[in-house]
């Protein structure tokens, strides 16, 4: 079943059908925000080492992007992260979003999800959503 679903998703992405349509949730935000490296398997027990689990978000564009209202999610219904108000990602910059808690900076953000690890070691997908809910980028592993 997973193979059939993967094939259907690939076809929908290629043809811009359904949620993969460029305007499925309104006009997409400008910019080239992309999922970078994903560290889904922290050293040791993931649940005891939440800040060693992270995903990088990169701005591949030539202009700064204000990520206020943007989000990151996985395949579950319960894991949702919203970027802090006023957070901007400069052109060519990358920010690392850790699962655990910490003090946010320009290059490190913290989801502060403390009940468990977010990124499944057996496979998952990182989705980046713009303020309208459009999927701007995704990366599966």
N, C-alpha and C. Protein backbone atom coordinates (compact mmCIF):
# COMPACT_ATOMS: atom_id res chain seq x y z
N UNK A 1 0.83 -1.20 0.00
CA UNK A 1 0.00 0.00 0.00
C UNK A 1 0.87 1.26 0.00
N UNK A 2 1.98 1.23 0.75
CA UNK A 2 2.86 2.40 0.81
C UNK A 2 3.41 2.74 -0.57
N UNK A 3 3.75 1.73 -1.34
CA UNK A 3 4.29 1.96 -2.69
C UNK A 3 3.25 2.62 -3.58
N UNK A 4 2.01 2.18 -3.47
CA UNK A 4 0.92 2.77 -4.26
C UNK A 4 0.71 4.23 -3.85
N UNK A 5 0.74 4.49 -2.54
CA UNK A 5 0.55 5.85 -2.04
C UNK A 5 1.70 6.76 -2.48
N UNK A 6 2.93 6.26 -2.41
CA UNK A 6 4.08 7.03 -2.85
C UNK A 6 3.97 7.38 -4.33
N UNK A 7 3.53 6.42 -5.14
CA UNK A 7 3.36 6.65 -6.57
C UNK A 7 2.28 7.70 -6.83
N UNK A 8 1.18 7.62 -6.08
CA UNK A 8 0.09 8.59 -6.24
C UNK A 8 0.56 9.99 -5.84
N UNK A 9 1.34 10.08 -4.76
CA UNK A 9 1.85 11.38 -4.34
C UNK A 9 2.80 11.95 -5.39
N UNK A 10 3.68 11.14 -5.91
CA UNK A 10 4.62 11.59 -6.93
C UNK A 10 3.89 12.10 -8.16
N UNK A 11 2.85 11.38 -8.58
CA UNK A 11 2.06 11.81 -9.74
C UNK A 11 1.33 13.12 -9.44
N UNK A 12 0.72 13.23 -8.25
CA UNK A 12 0.01 14.45 -7.88
C UNK A 12 0.96 15.65 -7.82
N UNK A 13 2.15 15.45 -7.27
CA UNK A 13 3.15 16.52 -7.23
C UNK A 13 3.52 16.96 -8.64
N UNK A 14 3.80 15.99 -9.51
CA UNK A 14 4.23 16.29 -10.88
C UNK A 14 3.16 17.03 -11.67
N UNK A 15 1.88 16.69 -11.42
CA UNK A 15 0.78 17.28 -12.17
C UNK A 15 0.13 18.47 -11.46
N UNK A 16 0.58 18.77 -10.23
CA UNK A 16 -0.01 19.89 -9.49
C UNK A 16 -1.46 19.67 -9.14
N UNK A 17 -1.79 18.45 -8.70
CA UNK A 17 -3.16 18.07 -8.38
C UNK A 17 -3.39 18.14 -6.87
N UNK A 18 -4.62 18.49 -6.47
CA UNK A 18 -5.00 18.47 -5.06
C UNK A 18 -4.14 19.40 -4.23
N UNK A 19 -3.65 18.88 -3.10
CA UNK A 19 -2.86 19.73 -2.21
C UNK A 19 -1.54 20.15 -2.85
N UNK A 20 -1.17 19.55 -3.94
CA UNK A 20 0.06 19.92 -4.65
C UNK A 20 -0.19 21.00 -5.69
N UNK A 21 -1.43 21.42 -5.86
CA UNK A 21 -1.73 22.51 -6.78
C UNK A 21 -1.11 23.79 -6.22
N UNK A 22 -0.55 24.64 -7.07
CA UNK A 22 0.12 25.84 -6.57
C UNK A 22 -0.78 26.77 -5.78
N UNK A 23 -2.08 26.72 -6.04
CA UNK A 23 -3.00 27.62 -5.35
C UNK A 23 -4.02 26.86 -4.50
N UNK A 24 -3.68 25.68 -4.03
CA UNK A 24 -4.62 24.85 -3.26
C UNK A 24 -5.13 25.56 -2.01
N UNK A 25 -4.30 26.35 -1.38
CA UNK A 25 -4.68 27.05 -0.15
C UNK A 25 -4.54 28.55 -0.30
N UNK A 26 -4.62 29.05 -1.50
CA UNK A 26 -4.42 30.47 -1.76
C UNK A 26 -3.09 30.67 -2.47
N UNK A 27 -2.75 31.91 -2.68
CA UNK A 27 -1.51 32.23 -3.38
C UNK A 27 -0.33 31.92 -2.47
N UNK A 28 0.63 31.19 -2.98
CA UNK A 28 1.81 30.82 -2.20
C UNK A 28 2.68 32.04 -1.92
N UNK A 29 3.35 32.00 -0.77
CA UNK A 29 4.27 33.07 -0.40
C UNK A 29 5.50 33.05 -1.31
N UNK A 30 6.05 34.24 -1.51
CA UNK A 30 7.26 34.35 -2.32
C UNK A 30 8.45 33.83 -1.53
N UNK A 31 9.53 33.55 -2.21
CA UNK A 31 10.74 33.11 -1.55
C UNK A 31 11.06 31.67 -1.89
N UNK A 32 12.24 31.28 -1.50
CA UNK A 32 12.68 29.92 -1.76
C UNK A 32 13.10 29.27 -0.46
N UNK A 33 12.14 29.03 0.40
CA UNK A 33 12.39 28.39 1.69
C UNK A 33 12.33 26.89 1.48
N UNK A 34 13.37 26.19 1.91
CA UNK A 34 13.47 24.76 1.65
C UNK A 34 13.90 23.99 2.90
N UNK A 35 13.49 22.72 2.95
CA UNK A 35 13.95 21.80 3.99
C UNK A 35 15.38 21.42 3.63
N UNK A 36 16.27 21.52 4.61
CA UNK A 36 17.66 21.11 4.42
C UNK A 36 17.91 19.76 5.07
N UNK A 37 18.98 19.68 5.82
CA UNK A 37 19.36 18.45 6.50
C UNK A 37 18.38 18.12 7.60
N UNK A 38 18.07 16.84 7.74
CA UNK A 38 17.19 16.35 8.81
C UNK A 38 17.99 15.38 9.67
N UNK A 39 18.10 15.68 10.96
CA UNK A 39 18.71 14.73 11.90
C UNK A 39 17.56 14.15 12.72
N UNK A 40 17.08 13.00 12.29
CA UNK A 40 15.91 12.38 12.89
C UNK A 40 16.26 11.35 13.95
N UNK A 41 17.50 10.93 14.01
CA UNK A 41 17.91 9.89 14.97
C UNK A 41 18.99 10.45 15.88
N UNK A 42 18.56 11.00 17.01
CA UNK A 42 19.50 11.57 17.98
C UNK A 42 20.38 10.48 18.57
N UNK A 43 21.54 10.87 19.08
CA UNK A 43 22.39 9.91 19.78
C UNK A 43 21.64 9.36 21.00
N UNK A 44 21.76 8.07 21.24
CA UNK A 44 21.10 7.45 22.39
C UNK A 44 19.60 7.40 22.19
N UNK A 45 18.88 7.48 23.29
CA UNK A 45 17.42 7.47 23.27
C UNK A 45 16.92 8.84 22.82
N UNK A 46 16.23 8.87 21.69
CA UNK A 46 15.75 10.15 21.14
C UNK A 46 14.94 10.94 22.15
N UNK A 47 14.10 10.27 22.93
CA UNK A 47 13.23 10.95 23.89
C UNK A 47 14.00 11.59 25.03
N UNK A 48 15.23 11.15 25.26
CA UNK A 48 16.06 11.72 26.32
C UNK A 48 17.09 12.71 25.77
N UNK A 49 17.09 12.93 24.48
CA UNK A 49 18.09 13.78 23.84
C UNK A 49 17.42 14.60 22.73
N UNK A 50 16.36 15.32 23.10
CA UNK A 50 15.51 15.98 22.11
C UNK A 50 16.23 17.05 21.28
N UNK A 51 17.23 17.70 21.85
CA UNK A 51 17.91 18.75 21.09
C UNK A 51 18.95 18.21 20.11
N UNK A 52 19.14 16.89 20.12
CA UNK A 52 20.02 16.28 19.12
C UNK A 52 19.20 15.81 17.92
N UNK A 53 17.92 16.10 17.95
CA UNK A 53 17.01 15.83 16.83
C UNK A 53 16.62 17.19 16.28
N UNK A 54 16.84 17.41 14.98
CA UNK A 54 16.58 18.73 14.40
C UNK A 54 16.38 18.65 12.90
N UNK A 55 15.88 19.76 12.37
CA UNK A 55 15.74 19.92 10.92
C UNK A 55 16.25 21.32 10.56
N UNK A 56 16.93 21.42 9.43
CA UNK A 56 17.40 22.72 8.97
C UNK A 56 16.46 23.27 7.91
N UNK A 57 16.20 24.56 8.02
CA UNK A 57 15.37 25.29 7.07
C UNK A 57 16.28 26.32 6.41
N UNK A 58 16.31 26.33 5.08
CA UNK A 58 17.22 27.20 4.35
C UNK A 58 16.45 28.18 3.46
N UNK A 59 16.98 29.38 3.34
CA UNK A 59 16.46 30.36 2.40
C UNK A 59 17.41 30.38 1.21
N UNK A 60 17.02 29.72 0.13
CA UNK A 60 17.84 29.64 -1.07
C UNK A 60 17.63 30.83 -2.00
N UNK A 61 16.75 31.73 -1.61
CA UNK A 61 16.44 32.88 -2.45
C UNK A 61 17.44 34.02 -2.28
N UNK A 62 17.15 35.12 -2.95
CA UNK A 62 18.03 36.28 -2.94
C UNK A 62 17.51 37.42 -2.07
N UNK A 63 16.38 37.18 -1.36
CA UNK A 63 15.82 38.19 -0.47
C UNK A 63 15.50 37.58 0.89
N UNK A 64 15.49 38.42 1.90
CA UNK A 64 15.11 38.01 3.25
C UNK A 64 13.63 37.66 3.26
N UNK A 65 13.27 36.60 4.00
CA UNK A 65 11.87 36.18 4.11
C UNK A 65 11.44 36.26 5.57
N UNK A 66 10.34 36.97 5.83
CA UNK A 66 9.75 37.03 7.16
C UNK A 66 8.93 35.76 7.35
N UNK A 67 9.31 34.93 8.32
CA UNK A 67 8.63 33.65 8.53
C UNK A 67 7.51 33.73 9.56
N UNK A 68 7.12 34.93 9.95
CA UNK A 68 5.97 35.09 10.84
C UNK A 68 4.76 34.42 10.20
N UNK A 69 4.09 33.55 10.92
CA UNK A 69 2.92 32.85 10.41
C UNK A 69 3.23 31.58 9.66
N UNK A 70 4.51 31.32 9.37
CA UNK A 70 4.92 30.08 8.70
C UNK A 70 4.97 28.96 9.72
N UNK A 71 4.97 27.72 9.23
CA UNK A 71 5.02 26.58 10.14
C UNK A 71 5.81 25.41 9.59
N UNK A 72 6.09 24.49 10.48
CA UNK A 72 6.74 23.22 10.15
C UNK A 72 5.90 22.13 10.78
N UNK A 73 5.72 21.02 10.08
CA UNK A 73 4.97 19.89 10.62
C UNK A 73 5.54 18.60 10.08
N UNK A 74 5.11 17.51 10.70
CA UNK A 74 5.45 16.19 10.18
C UNK A 74 4.18 15.53 9.68
N UNK A 75 4.20 14.23 9.50
CA UNK A 75 3.04 13.52 8.96
C UNK A 75 1.91 13.35 9.97
N UNK A 76 2.18 13.57 11.25
CA UNK A 76 1.15 13.37 12.27
C UNK A 76 0.20 14.57 12.32
N UNK A 77 -0.88 14.39 13.05
CA UNK A 77 -1.84 15.48 13.23
C UNK A 77 -1.49 16.36 14.42
N UNK A 78 -0.55 15.93 15.25
CA UNK A 78 -0.29 16.65 16.50
C UNK A 78 1.01 17.45 16.53
N UNK A 79 1.89 17.26 15.59
CA UNK A 79 3.18 17.96 15.62
C UNK A 79 3.15 19.16 14.68
N UNK A 80 3.00 20.35 15.27
CA UNK A 80 2.95 21.59 14.51
C UNK A 80 3.84 22.62 15.20
N UNK A 81 4.68 23.30 14.44
CA UNK A 81 5.53 24.36 14.98
C UNK A 81 5.23 25.64 14.22
N UNK A 82 5.11 26.75 14.94
CA UNK A 82 4.93 28.05 14.32
C UNK A 82 6.15 28.93 14.59
N UNK A 83 6.70 29.51 13.53
CA UNK A 83 7.86 30.38 13.71
C UNK A 83 7.49 31.58 14.58
N UNK A 84 8.44 32.05 15.40
CA UNK A 84 8.15 33.20 16.27
C UNK A 84 7.81 34.45 15.46
N UNK A 85 6.96 35.28 15.99
CA UNK A 85 6.60 36.54 15.35
C UNK A 85 7.85 37.37 15.12
N UNK A 86 8.00 37.87 13.90
CA UNK A 86 9.13 38.71 13.56
C UNK A 86 10.40 37.96 13.17
N UNK A 87 10.33 36.62 13.12
CA UNK A 87 11.54 35.85 12.76
C UNK A 87 11.76 35.97 11.26
N UNK A 88 12.96 36.41 10.88
CA UNK A 88 13.31 36.54 9.47
C UNK A 88 14.50 35.64 9.15
N UNK A 89 14.51 35.13 7.93
CA UNK A 89 15.61 34.30 7.45
C UNK A 89 16.23 35.01 6.25
N UNK A 90 17.45 35.46 6.45
CA UNK A 90 18.15 36.21 5.40
C UNK A 90 18.42 35.34 4.18
N UNK A 91 18.62 35.99 3.06
CA UNK A 91 18.97 35.28 1.82
C UNK A 91 20.23 34.45 2.06
N UNK A 92 20.18 33.19 1.67
CA UNK A 92 21.33 32.30 1.82
C UNK A 92 21.53 31.74 3.21
N UNK A 93 20.69 32.12 4.16
CA UNK A 93 20.85 31.68 5.56
C UNK A 93 20.11 30.39 5.83
N UNK A 94 20.52 29.73 6.91
CA UNK A 94 19.89 28.50 7.37
C UNK A 94 19.61 28.63 8.86
N UNK A 95 18.48 28.09 9.29
CA UNK A 95 18.17 28.02 10.72
C UNK A 95 17.94 26.55 11.07
N UNK A 96 18.40 26.16 12.24
CA UNK A 96 18.23 24.79 12.71
C UNK A 96 17.13 24.78 13.77
N UNK A 97 16.08 23.98 13.53
CA UNK A 97 14.96 23.86 14.45
C UNK A 97 15.11 22.58 15.25
N UNK A 98 15.40 22.73 16.56
CA UNK A 98 15.56 21.59 17.46
C UNK A 98 14.21 21.18 18.05
N UNK A 99 14.06 19.90 18.33
CA UNK A 99 12.83 19.40 18.92
C UNK A 99 12.64 19.89 20.35
N UNK A 100 13.71 19.92 21.13
CA UNK A 100 13.63 20.27 22.55
C UNK A 100 13.55 21.76 22.81
N UNK A 101 13.86 22.13 24.05
CA UNK A 101 13.75 23.52 24.50
C UNK A 101 15.12 24.20 24.51
N UNK A 102 15.10 25.52 24.41
CA UNK A 102 16.31 26.33 24.47
C UNK A 102 15.96 27.77 24.15
N UNK A 103 16.97 28.61 24.08
CA UNK A 103 16.78 30.03 23.78
C UNK A 103 16.93 30.24 22.27
N UNK A 104 15.88 30.75 21.64
CA UNK A 104 15.92 31.01 20.20
C UNK A 104 16.96 32.07 19.86
N UNK A 105 17.64 31.87 18.72
CA UNK A 105 18.57 32.85 18.17
C UNK A 105 18.27 32.99 16.68
N UNK A 106 19.11 33.72 15.97
CA UNK A 106 18.93 33.87 14.52
C UNK A 106 19.21 32.57 13.77
N UNK A 107 19.99 31.66 14.37
CA UNK A 107 20.38 30.43 13.67
C UNK A 107 19.90 29.16 14.36
N UNK A 108 19.34 29.30 15.57
CA UNK A 108 18.83 28.14 16.32
C UNK A 108 17.44 28.46 16.85
N UNK A 109 16.49 27.58 16.55
CA UNK A 109 15.14 27.70 17.09
C UNK A 109 14.81 26.42 17.84
N UNK A 110 13.89 26.52 18.81
CA UNK A 110 13.54 25.38 19.65
C UNK A 110 12.03 25.20 19.67
N UNK A 111 11.59 24.02 19.24
CA UNK A 111 10.18 23.65 19.19
C UNK A 111 9.63 23.56 20.61
N UNK A 112 10.45 23.08 21.52
CA UNK A 112 10.09 22.85 22.93
C UNK A 112 8.95 21.84 23.05
N UNK A 113 9.02 20.82 22.21
CA UNK A 113 8.10 19.69 22.30
C UNK A 113 8.75 18.70 23.25
N UNK A 114 8.19 18.52 24.43
CA UNK A 114 8.88 17.78 25.48
C UNK A 114 8.33 16.39 25.75
N UNK A 115 7.21 16.03 25.15
CA UNK A 115 6.61 14.74 25.48
C UNK A 115 7.26 13.56 24.76
N UNK A 116 7.91 13.82 23.62
CA UNK A 116 8.57 12.74 22.88
C UNK A 116 9.34 13.35 21.72
N UNK A 117 10.12 12.50 21.05
CA UNK A 117 10.77 12.91 19.81
C UNK A 117 9.69 13.16 18.76
N UNK A 118 9.99 13.99 17.78
CA UNK A 118 9.03 14.30 16.72
C UNK A 118 9.30 13.48 15.47
N UNK A 119 10.55 13.44 15.05
CA UNK A 119 10.89 12.83 13.76
C UNK A 119 11.10 11.33 13.93
N UNK A 120 10.23 10.55 13.31
CA UNK A 120 10.25 9.09 13.45
C UNK A 120 11.50 8.50 12.80
N UNK A 121 12.21 7.67 13.54
CA UNK A 121 13.43 7.05 13.01
C UNK A 121 13.13 6.13 11.83
N UNK A 122 11.92 5.61 11.78
CA UNK A 122 11.54 4.67 10.72
C UNK A 122 11.10 5.36 9.43
N UNK A 123 11.01 6.70 9.46
CA UNK A 123 10.60 7.45 8.28
C UNK A 123 9.52 8.46 8.61
N UNK A 124 9.58 9.61 7.97
CA UNK A 124 8.64 10.69 8.22
C UNK A 124 8.81 11.70 7.10
N UNK A 125 8.05 12.77 7.15
CA UNK A 125 8.17 13.85 6.17
C UNK A 125 8.15 15.18 6.91
N UNK A 126 9.05 16.08 6.53
CA UNK A 126 9.07 17.45 7.03
C UNK A 126 8.34 18.30 6.01
N UNK A 127 7.35 19.05 6.46
CA UNK A 127 6.60 19.98 5.61
C UNK A 127 6.85 21.40 6.10
N UNK A 128 7.07 22.33 5.19
CA UNK A 128 7.12 23.75 5.52
C UNK A 128 5.86 24.38 4.94
N UNK A 129 5.13 25.11 5.79
CA UNK A 129 3.87 25.74 5.38
C UNK A 129 4.00 27.25 5.44
N UNK A 130 3.48 27.93 4.42
CA UNK A 130 3.46 29.39 4.46
C UNK A 130 2.24 29.84 5.27
N UNK A 131 2.07 31.15 5.50
CA UNK A 131 0.95 31.61 6.34
C UNK A 131 -0.44 31.22 5.83
N UNK A 132 -0.57 30.92 4.54
CA UNK A 132 -1.87 30.50 3.99
C UNK A 132 -2.09 29.00 4.11
N UNK A 133 -1.09 28.28 4.61
CA UNK A 133 -1.20 26.83 4.74
C UNK A 133 -0.68 26.07 3.53
N UNK A 134 -0.14 26.79 2.54
CA UNK A 134 0.44 26.12 1.38
C UNK A 134 1.69 25.35 1.78
N UNK A 135 1.86 24.18 1.23
CA UNK A 135 3.10 23.43 1.42
C UNK A 135 4.13 24.05 0.48
N UNK A 136 5.11 24.72 1.06
CA UNK A 136 6.15 25.39 0.29
C UNK A 136 7.24 24.41 -0.10
N UNK A 137 7.53 23.49 0.81
CA UNK A 137 8.52 22.45 0.53
C UNK A 137 8.26 21.29 1.47
N UNK A 138 8.74 20.12 1.07
CA UNK A 138 8.67 18.94 1.92
C UNK A 138 9.84 18.04 1.59
N UNK A 139 10.19 17.23 2.57
CA UNK A 139 11.29 16.29 2.36
C UNK A 139 10.99 15.06 3.20
N UNK A 140 10.99 13.90 2.54
CA UNK A 140 10.75 12.63 3.22
C UNK A 140 12.07 11.89 3.38
N UNK A 141 12.11 11.07 4.40
CA UNK A 141 13.29 10.22 4.61
C UNK A 141 12.83 8.84 5.04
